[in-house]
C-alpha atoms as a PDB file:
ATOM      1  CA  MET A   1       0.000   0.000   0.000  1.00  0.00           C
ATOM      2  CA  HIS A   2       2.771   2.441   0.943  1.00  0.00           C
ATOM      3  CA  LYS A   3       4.718   1.511  -2.188  1.00  0.00           C
ATOM      4  CA  SER A   4       1.755   2.200  -4.510  1.00  0.00           C
ATOM      5  CA  LEU A   5       1.005   5.487  -2.704  1.00  0.00           C
ATOM      6  CA  ALA A   6       4.654   6.502  -3.138  1.00  0.00           C
ATOM      7  CA  ASN A   7       4.480   5.595  -6.858  1.00  0.00           C
ATOM      8  CA  VAL A   8       1.301   7.683  -7.305  1.00  0.00           C
ATOM      9  CA  LEU A   9       2.877  10.667  -5.533  1.00  0.00           C
ATOM     10  CA  LEU A  10       6.048  10.315  -7.604  1.00  0.00           C
ATOM     11  CA  PHE A  11       3.959  10.131 -10.811  1.00  0.00           C
ATOM     12  CA  LEU A  12       1.985  13.236  -9.814  1.00  0.00           C
ATOM     13  CA  ALA A  13       5.144  15.159  -8.927  1.00  0.00           C
ATOM     14  CA  LEU A  14       6.766  14.320 -12.259  1.00  0.00           C
ATOM     15  CA  SER A  15       3.592  15.122 -14.198  1.00  0.00           C
ATOM     16  CA  LEU A  16       3.147  18.485 -12.498  1.00  0.00           C
ATOM     17  CA  SER A  17       6.758  19.514 -12.946  1.00  0.00           C
ATOM     18  CA  HIS A  18       6.626  18.551 -16.641  1.00  0.00           C
ATOM     19  CA  SER A  19       3.437  20.515 -17.296  1.00  0.00           C
ATOM     20  CA  ALA A  20       4.671  23.505 -15.312  1.00  0.00           C
ATOM     21  CA  PHE A  21       7.800  23.770 -17.455  1.00  0.00           C
ATOM     22  CA  SER A  22       6.426  22.610 -20.792  1.00  0.00           C
ATOM     23  CA  HIS A  23       5.732  26.221 -21.910  1.00  0.00           C
ATOM     24  CA  GLU A  24       9.113  27.552 -20.837  1.00  0.00           C
ATOM     25  CA  GLY A  25      10.815  29.472 -23.621  1.00  0.00           C
ATOM     26  CA  GLU A  26       7.850  29.154 -25.975  1.00  0.00           C
ATOM     27  CA  HIS A  27       5.402  31.794 -27.139  1.00  0.00           C
ATOM     28  CA  HIS A  28       1.765  30.789 -27.007  1.00  0.00           C
ATOM     29  CA  ASP A  29      -1.361  32.802 -27.722  1.00  0.00           C
ATOM     30  CA  HIS A  30      -3.892  32.627 -24.914  1.00  0.00           C
ATOM     31  CA  ASP A  31      -7.282  34.251 -24.496  1.00  0.00           C
ATOM     32  CA  GLU A  32      -6.009  36.510 -21.744  1.00  0.00           C
ATOM     33  CA  SER A  33      -3.236  37.969 -23.924  1.00  0.00           C
ATOM     34  CA  GLU A  34      -2.907  41.727 -24.174  1.00  0.00           C
ATOM     35  CA  PRO A  35      -4.689  43.450 -27.072  1.00  0.00           C
ATOM     36  CA  ASP A  36      -1.364  44.920 -28.233  1.00  0.00           C
ATOM     37  CA  SER A  37      -0.148  41.412 -29.068  1.00  0.00           C
ATOM     38  CA  GLN A  38      -2.576  41.510 -32.017  1.00  0.00           C
ATOM     39  CA  LEU A  39      -0.812  44.521 -33.538  1.00  0.00           C
ATOM     40  CA  GLU A  40       1.722  44.261 -36.349  1.00  0.00           C
ATOM     41  CA  SER A  41       5.444  44.124 -35.797  1.00  0.00           C
ATOM     42  CA  GLY A  42       8.622  43.368 -37.669  1.00  0.00           C
ATOM     43  CA  HIS A  43      12.376  43.289 -37.228  1.00  0.00           C
ATOM     44  CA  GLY A  44      13.257  46.438 -35.277  1.00  0.00           C
ATOM     45  CA  TRP A  45       9.733  47.862 -34.985  1.00  0.00           C
ATOM     46  CA  ARG A  46       6.249  47.259 -33.595  1.00  0.00           C
ATOM     47  CA  VAL A  47       2.909  49.047 -33.582  1.00  0.00           C
ATOM     48  CA  VAL A  48       2.181  50.177 -30.036  1.00  0.00           C
ATOM     49  CA  ARG A  49      -1.320  51.478 -30.780  1.00  0.00           C
ATOM     50  CA  SER A  50      -3.568  52.602 -33.592  1.00  0.00           C
ATOM     51  CA  ILE A  51      -5.762  55.610 -32.902  1.00  0.00           C
ATOM     52  CA  GLU A  52      -8.812  56.542 -34.936  1.00  0.00           C
ATOM     53  CA  MET A  53      -9.018  60.120 -36.162  1.00  0.00           C
ATOM     54  CA  GLY A  54     -12.403  61.121 -34.759  1.00  0.00           C
ATOM     55  CA  THR A  55     -15.022  58.778 -36.231  1.00  0.00           C
ATOM     56  CA  SER A  56     -13.552  58.821 -39.737  1.00  0.00           C
ATOM     57  CA  GLY A  57     -12.490  55.175 -39.810  1.00  0.00           C
ATOM     58  CA  LYS A  58      -8.958  56.439 -40.545  1.00  0.00           C
ATOM     59  CA  PHE A  59      -6.199  55.511 -38.115  1.00  0.00           C
ATOM     60  CA  ILE A  60      -2.792  56.817 -37.114  1.00  0.00           C
ATOM     61  CA  HIS A  61      -0.456  53.944 -36.274  1.00  0.00           C
ATOM     62  CA  MET A  62       1.958  54.765 -33.448  1.00  0.00           C
ATOM     63  CA  ILE A  63       5.144  52.763 -33.940  1.00  0.00           C
ATOM     64  CA  LEU A  64       8.091  52.030 -31.698  1.00  0.00           C
ATOM     65  CA  ILE A  65      11.435  51.673 -33.477  1.00  0.00           C
ATOM     66  CA  ASP A  66      14.151  49.871 -31.522  1.00  0.00           C
ATOM     67  CA  HIS A  67      16.407  52.630 -30.230  1.00  0.00           C
ATOM     68  CA  ASP A  68      19.515  50.744 -31.405  1.00  0.00           C
ATOM     69  CA  VAL A  69      18.355  50.999 -35.040  1.00  0.00           C
ATOM     70  CA  HIS A  70      16.442  54.286 -35.003  1.00  0.00           C
ATOM     71  CA  THR A  71      18.751  55.795 -37.640  1.00  0.00           C
ATOM     72  CA  ASP A  72      18.378  52.826 -40.017  1.00  0.00           C
ATOM     73  CA  LYS A  73      15.870  53.973 -42.633  1.00  0.00           C
ATOM     74  CA  THR A  74      15.337  50.413 -43.879  1.00  0.00           C
ATOM     75  CA  VAL A  75      13.557  49.607 -40.597  1.00  0.00           C
ATOM     76  CA  TYR A  76      11.104  52.455 -41.248  1.00  0.00           C
ATOM     77  CA  SER A  77      10.661  51.278 -44.847  1.00  0.00           C
ATOM     78  CA  ALA A  78       9.829  47.772 -43.669  1.00  0.00           C
ATOM     79  CA  ALA A  79       7.100  49.121 -41.380  1.00  0.00           C
ATOM     80  CA  ILE A  80       5.735  51.389 -44.123  1.00  0.00           C
ATOM     81  CA  ASN A  81       5.665  48.560 -46.652  1.00  0.00           C
ATOM     82  CA  ARG A  82       3.911  46.222 -44.203  1.00  0.00           C
ATOM     83  CA  LEU A  83       1.343  48.706 -42.893  1.00  0.00           C
ATOM     84  CA  CYS A  84       0.733  50.985 -45.881  1.00  0.00           C
ATOM     85  CA  ARG A  85       0.489  49.056 -49.065  1.00  0.00           C
ATOM     86  CA  THR A  86       0.385  52.281 -51.085  1.00  0.00           C
ATOM     87  CA  THR A  87      -1.157  50.610 -54.101  1.00  0.00           C
ATOM     88  CA  ASP A  88      -4.078  49.398 -51.950  1.00  0.00           C
ATOM     89  CA  GLU A  89      -4.508  52.057 -49.272  1.00  0.00           C
ATOM     90  CA  GLU A  90      -6.409  55.297 -49.803  1.00  0.00           C
ATOM     91  CA  PHE A  91      -5.186  56.618 -46.457  1.00  0.00           C
ATOM     92  CA  CYS A  92      -2.352  55.589 -44.183  1.00  0.00           C
ATOM     93  CA  ARG A  93      -0.534  57.522 -41.490  1.00  0.00           C
ATOM     94  CA  LEU A  94       2.375  56.275 -39.410  1.00  0.00           C
ATOM     95  CA  ARG A  95       4.273  58.028 -36.650  1.00  0.00           C
ATOM     96  CA  PHE A  96       7.551  56.661 -35.278  1.00  0.00           C
ATOM     97  CA  TRP A  97       9.320  57.003 -31.918  1.00  0.00           C
ATOM     98  CA  SER A  98      12.355  55.257 -30.438  1.00  0.00           C
ATOM     99  CA  GLN A  99      11.192  55.537 -26.810  1.00  0.00           C
ATOM    100  CA  GLU A 100       7.820  54.089 -25.876  1.00  0.00           C
ATOM    101  CA  ARG A 101       7.183  56.573 -23.075  1.00  0.00           C
ATOM    102  CA  TYR A 102       6.741  59.362 -25.673  1.00  0.00           C
ATOM    103  CA  ILE A 103       4.156  57.536 -27.777  1.00  0.00           C
ATOM    104  CA  PRO A 104       0.855  59.377 -27.263  1.00  0.00           C
ATOM    105  CA  GLU A 105      -2.461  57.828 -26.269  1.00  0.00           C
ATOM    106  CA  LYS A 106      -4.359  60.253 -28.522  1.00  0.00           C
ATOM    107  CA  VAL A 107      -3.968  61.810 -31.972  1.00  0.00           C
ATOM    108  CA  SER A 108      -2.623  65.171 -30.792  1.00  0.00           C
ATOM    109  CA  LEU A 109       0.961  65.404 -29.559  1.00  0.00           C
ATOM    110  CA  THR A 110       2.448  67.264 -26.634  1.00  0.00           C
ATOM    111  CA  THR A 111       5.499  69.429 -27.296  1.00  0.00           C
ATOM    112  CA  GLU A 112       7.802  66.744 -25.868  1.00  0.00           C
ATOM    113  CA  GLN A 113       6.155  63.937 -27.877  1.00  0.00           C
ATOM    114  CA  ASN A 114       6.582  66.026 -31.023  1.00  0.00           C
ATOM    115  CA  LYS A 115      10.265  66.656 -30.194  1.00  0.00           C
ATOM    116  CA  GLN A 116      10.837  62.910 -29.790  1.00  0.00           C
ATOM    117  CA  LEU A 117       9.034  61.976 -33.032  1.00  0.00           C
ATOM    118  CA  LYS A 118      11.546  60.276 -35.361  1.00  0.00           C
ATOM    119  CA  ALA A 119       9.535  60.152 -38.585  1.00  0.00           C
ATOM    120  CA  GLU A 120       6.049  60.522 -40.006  1.00  0.00           C
ATOM    121  CA  TYR A 121       4.616  58.919 -43.126  1.00  0.00           C
ATOM    122  CA  VAL A 122       1.317  60.007 -44.674  1.00  0.00           C
ATOM    123  CA  VAL A 123      -0.559  58.760 -47.710  1.00  0.00           C
ATOM    124  CA  ASN A 124      -3.880  60.411 -48.568  1.00  0.00           C
ATOM    125  CA  LYS A 125      -4.801  59.676 -52.159  1.00  0.00           C
ATOM    126  CA  ALA A 126      -7.948  61.819 -52.055  1.00  0.00           C
ATOM    127  CA  ALA A 127      -5.843  64.880 -51.162  1.00  0.00           C
ATOM    128  CA  GLY A 128      -2.907  63.870 -53.374  1.00  0.00           C
ATOM    129  CA  ILE A 129      -0.517  63.547 -50.428  1.00  0.00           C
ATOM    130  CA  LEU A 130       2.401  61.136 -50.196  1.00  0.00           C
ATOM    131  CA  GLN A 131       4.886  62.391 -47.643  1.00  0.00           C
ATOM    132  CA  LEU A 132       7.704  60.972 -45.548  1.00  0.00           C
ATOM    133  CA  ARG A 133       9.284  63.396 -43.077  1.00  0.00           C
ATOM    134  CA  TRP A 134      12.323  62.671 -40.906  1.00  0.00           C
ATOM    135  CA  SER A 135      13.568  64.154 -37.659  1.00  0.00           C
ATOM    136  CA  CYS A 136      17.041  65.655 -37.822  1.00  0.00           C
ATOM    137  CA  SER A 137      18.269  62.882 -35.500  1.00  0.00           C
ATOM    138  CA  VAL A 138      17.478  60.327 -38.224  1.00  0.00           C
ATOM    139  CA  ASN A 139      18.210  62.406 -41.337  1.00  0.00           C
ATOM    140  CA  PRO A 140      20.577  65.255 -40.367  1.00  0.00           C
ATOM    141  CA  VAL A 141      20.409  67.004 -43.761  1.00  0.00           C
ATOM    142  CA  LYS A 142      19.482  70.648 -43.198  1.00  0.00           C
ATOM    143  CA  GLY A 143      16.231  71.647 -44.867  1.00  0.00           C
ATOM    144  CA  GLN A 144      15.142  68.011 -45.173  1.00  0.00           C
ATOM    145  CA  CYS A 145      14.318  67.326 -41.530  1.00  0.00           C
ATOM    146  CA  PHE A 146      12.110  68.657 -38.768  1.00  0.00           C
END
């Protein structure tokens, strides 16, 4: 009796320890995951939030660029190409920061958030706008940066 009880306890202990560590180092989607995990990302960037402009159905995507690569324009291009397929999209607006704490929760920016903005991309086919603007910390060419 004691031997079978010991075997059952040993079996339970091994089963529990295996199940407790079976997810270690793996990424799994669960129902309780954060909503941000549904947002797009790529190598060196991720969408932190998308904010609707009023009730227009048009969104501004707020993007975090890894600070280590914030001067690499190919990282910005990858995000633009993924999020704004210019041949398909009538409207697309992206704003980029390299520090998450400056990414706004609303469309309008504070003075400090605007100072920390690294780039902005806008496509508005109805208005004939296709614009990519860089901060001087990313593109230090005078007259071509904000």
